[in-house]
Every structure is written in structure tokens, then in C-alpha cells.
Amino acid sequence: MRKLMVTLLLSGLAMAASANVEEKFKASCTFCHSTGAAGAPKVGDKAAWAPRLEKGMETLLKNSKSGIGGMPPMGMCNTCTDEDFKALIEYMSK
């Protein structure tokens, strides 16, 4: 019974985290990453994300925070933490 409760709790936390990432994406990333505006790699476009992912998460995080190409610093998410950016990158690149 205890194992079931822990599993349900962790499942609920994962769903909440997933919803939070999706909300942040819709509030700040969707403008460019849904359409490819300004050269942004589209959500789920594995071919466009592959060369970026090869650079590593730390480089992607740095670029998200400082801006790159047509992407402004903080990518229109001024409240995002490093963990938020990492979750958003993972969300968009899969």
C-alpha cells in the first residue's frame, strides 16, 4: 500500500511538472518555436534540434539566458530559472 501511495504521489508530481513546463512554453516559447520564426527550431523537429543538442545542455542553457541569433536574452521568459530552461529545452527537443 505504501509503495502504491509513493508511486501515485510521484506520478502526480511528474504531471504537475509537465503541466508547468507546458504553461511556460505557451507563455513564452510558443511564439517562435511553434512556427520556426526567426530561425527557431520547431518543437519536436529532431533534425533541427540535433546539432543544438550536440553542443550540450550547458551551451543551450547559456544561449537561452544570453540570447542567440533571433532569440532575445531569456527567450521571453524573464522569470525562468536554469531548471525551467533545461525542462523547456527537453520539452521542445523531444
C-alpha atoms as a PDB file:
ATOM      1  CA  MET A   1       0.000   0.000   0.000  1.00  0.00           C
ATOM      2  CA  ARG A   2       2.802   2.389   0.882  1.00  0.00           C
ATOM      3  CA  LYS A   3       4.560   1.719  -2.422  1.00  0.00           C
ATOM      4  CA  LEU A   4       1.329   2.485  -4.282  1.00  0.00           C
ATOM      5  CA  MET A   5       0.936   5.782  -2.421  1.00  0.00           C
ATOM      6  CA  VAL A   6       4.517   6.805  -3.228  1.00  0.00           C
ATOM      7  CA  THR A   7       4.022   5.856  -6.882  1.00  0.00           C
ATOM      8  CA  LEU A   8       0.819   7.907  -7.073  1.00  0.00           C
ATOM      9  CA  LEU A   9       2.499  10.874  -5.391  1.00  0.00           C
ATOM     10  CA  LEU A  10       5.465  10.786  -7.755  1.00  0.00           C
ATOM     11  CA  SER A  11       3.148  10.397 -10.728  1.00  0.00           C
ATOM     12  CA  GLY A  12       1.181  13.447  -9.588  1.00  0.00           C
ATOM     13  CA  LEU A  13       4.361  15.476  -9.166  1.00  0.00           C
ATOM     14  CA  ALA A  14       5.555  14.495 -12.636  1.00  0.00           C
ATOM     15  CA  MET A  15       2.215  15.504 -14.136  1.00  0.00           C
ATOM     16  CA  ALA A  16       2.325  18.849 -12.311  1.00  0.00           C
ATOM     17  CA  ALA A  17       5.883  19.490 -13.514  1.00  0.00           C
ATOM     18  CA  SER A  18       4.866  18.590 -17.060  1.00  0.00           C
ATOM     19  CA  ALA A  19       1.909  20.976 -16.896  1.00  0.00           C
ATOM     20  CA  ASN A  20       4.179  23.729 -15.548  1.00  0.00           C
ATOM     21  CA  VAL A  21       6.620  23.269 -18.438  1.00  0.00           C
ATOM     22  CA  GLU A  22       3.792  23.339 -20.955  1.00  0.00           C
ATOM     23  CA  GLU A  23       2.397  26.532 -19.384  1.00  0.00           C
ATOM     24  CA  LYS A  24       5.809  28.215 -19.545  1.00  0.00           C
ATOM     25  CA  PHE A  25       6.205  27.073 -23.148  1.00  0.00           C
ATOM     26  CA  LYS A  26       2.824  28.506 -24.103  1.00  0.00           C
ATOM     27  CA  ALA A  27       3.547  31.779 -22.302  1.00  0.00           C
ATOM     28  CA  SER A  28       6.981  32.466 -23.745  1.00  0.00           C
ATOM     29  CA  CYS A  29       8.392  29.948 -26.237  1.00  0.00           C
ATOM     30  CA  THR A  30       5.482  29.078 -28.489  1.00  0.00           C
ATOM     31  CA  PHE A  31       5.660  32.337 -30.437  1.00  0.00           C
ATOM     32  CA  CYS A  32       8.829  31.279 -32.236  1.00  0.00           C
ATOM     33  CA  HIS A  33       9.269  27.567 -31.532  1.00  0.00           C
ATOM     34  CA  SER A  34       5.832  26.598 -32.864  1.00  0.00           C
ATOM     35  CA  THR A  35       6.322  28.380 -36.178  1.00  0.00           C
ATOM     36  CA  GLY A  36      10.083  28.469 -36.676  1.00  0.00           C
ATOM     37  CA  ALA A  37      10.077  32.267 -36.592  1.00  0.00           C
ATOM     38  CA  ALA A  38      13.499  33.918 -36.550  1.00  0.00           C
ATOM     39  CA  GLY A  39      15.125  30.549 -37.276  1.00  0.00           C
ATOM     40  CA  ALA A  40      13.933  28.928 -34.033  1.00  0.00           C
ATOM     41  CA  PRO A  41      13.918  25.133 -34.118  1.00  0.00           C
ATOM     42  CA  LYS A  42      10.325  23.921 -34.032  1.00  0.00           C
ATOM     43  CA  VAL A  43       9.002  21.795 -31.208  1.00  0.00           C
ATOM     44  CA  GLY A  44       9.657  18.136 -31.923  1.00  0.00           C
ATOM     45  CA  ASP A  45      11.801  18.778 -35.023  1.00  0.00           C
ATOM     46  CA  LYS A  46      14.532  16.309 -34.149  1.00  0.00           C
ATOM     47  CA  ALA A  47      16.648  17.208 -37.187  1.00  0.00           C
ATOM     48  CA  ALA A  48      16.685  20.901 -36.237  1.00  0.00           C
ATOM     49  CA  TRP A  49      17.388  20.166 -32.579  1.00  0.00           C
ATOM     50  CA  ALA A  50      20.121  17.537 -33.136  1.00  0.00           C
ATOM     51  CA  PRO A  51      23.045  19.904 -33.845  1.00  0.00           C
ATOM     52  CA  ARG A  52      21.991  22.097 -30.946  1.00  0.00           C
ATOM     53  CA  LEU A  53      21.738  19.178 -28.530  1.00  0.00           C
ATOM     54  CA  GLU A  54      25.208  18.001 -29.614  1.00  0.00           C
ATOM     55  CA  LYS A  55      26.605  21.217 -28.120  1.00  0.00           C
ATOM     56  CA  GLY A  56      25.396  20.104 -24.698  1.00  0.00           C
ATOM     57  CA  MET A  57      22.867  21.345 -22.193  1.00  0.00           C
ATOM     58  CA  GLU A  58      25.229  23.897 -20.640  1.00  0.00           C
ATOM     59  CA  THR A  59      25.682  25.625 -24.010  1.00  0.00           C
ATOM     60  CA  LEU A  60      21.939  25.545 -24.673  1.00  0.00           C
ATOM     61  CA  LEU A  61      21.301  26.965 -21.211  1.00  0.00           C
ATOM     62  CA  LYS A  62      23.861  29.734 -21.758  1.00  0.00           C
ATOM     63  CA  ASN A  63      22.329  30.594 -25.147  1.00  0.00           C
ATOM     64  CA  SER A  64      18.823  30.625 -23.658  1.00  0.00           C
ATOM     65  CA  LYS A  65      19.900  33.068 -20.981  1.00  0.00           C
ATOM     66  CA  SER A  66      22.084  35.357 -23.103  1.00  0.00           C
ATOM     67  CA  GLY A  67      20.191  35.043 -26.393  1.00  0.00           C
ATOM     68  CA  ILE A  68      21.386  33.772 -29.744  1.00  0.00           C
ATOM     69  CA  GLY A  69      20.502  34.649 -33.316  1.00  0.00           C
ATOM     70  CA  GLY A  70      16.955  35.993 -33.323  1.00  0.00           C
ATOM     71  CA  MET A  71      16.294  34.752 -29.779  1.00  0.00           C
ATOM     72  CA  PRO A  72      16.385  37.531 -27.201  1.00  0.00           C
ATOM     73  CA  PRO A  73      18.078  37.071 -23.830  1.00  0.00           C
ATOM     74  CA  MET A  74      15.957  34.909 -21.547  1.00  0.00           C
ATOM     75  CA  GLY A  75      13.890  33.892 -24.583  1.00  0.00           C
ATOM     76  CA  MET A  76      10.918  35.978 -23.457  1.00  0.00           C
ATOM     77  CA  CYS A  77      10.807  34.160 -20.095  1.00  0.00           C
ATOM     78  CA  ASN A  78      12.268  36.613 -17.611  1.00  0.00           C
ATOM     79  CA  THR A  79      11.136  34.512 -14.650  1.00  0.00           C
ATOM     80  CA  CYS A  80      12.648  31.231 -15.883  1.00  0.00           C
ATOM     81  CA  THR A  81      15.274  29.554 -13.751  1.00  0.00           C
ATOM     82  CA  ASP A  82      18.062  27.357 -15.082  1.00  0.00           C
ATOM     83  CA  GLU A  83      15.907  24.336 -14.262  1.00  0.00           C
ATOM     84  CA  ASP A  84      12.974  25.856 -16.161  1.00  0.00           C
ATOM     85  CA  PHE A  85      15.144  26.406 -19.234  1.00  0.00           C
ATOM     86  CA  LYS A  86      16.502  22.862 -19.078  1.00  0.00           C
ATOM     87  CA  ALA A  87      12.963  21.463 -18.814  1.00  0.00           C
ATOM     88  CA  LEU A  88      11.789  23.665 -21.690  1.00  0.00           C
ATOM     89  CA  ILE A  89      14.698  22.588 -23.897  1.00  0.00           C
ATOM     90  CA  GLU A  90      13.947  18.942 -23.170  1.00  0.00           C
ATOM     91  CA  TYR A  91      10.236  19.526 -23.825  1.00  0.00           C
ATOM     92  CA  MET A  92      10.828  21.259 -27.165  1.00  0.00           C
ATOM     93  CA  SER A  93      13.544  18.938 -28.444  1.00  0.00           C
ATOM     94  CA  LYS A  94      11.588  15.687 -27.996  1.00  0.00           C
END
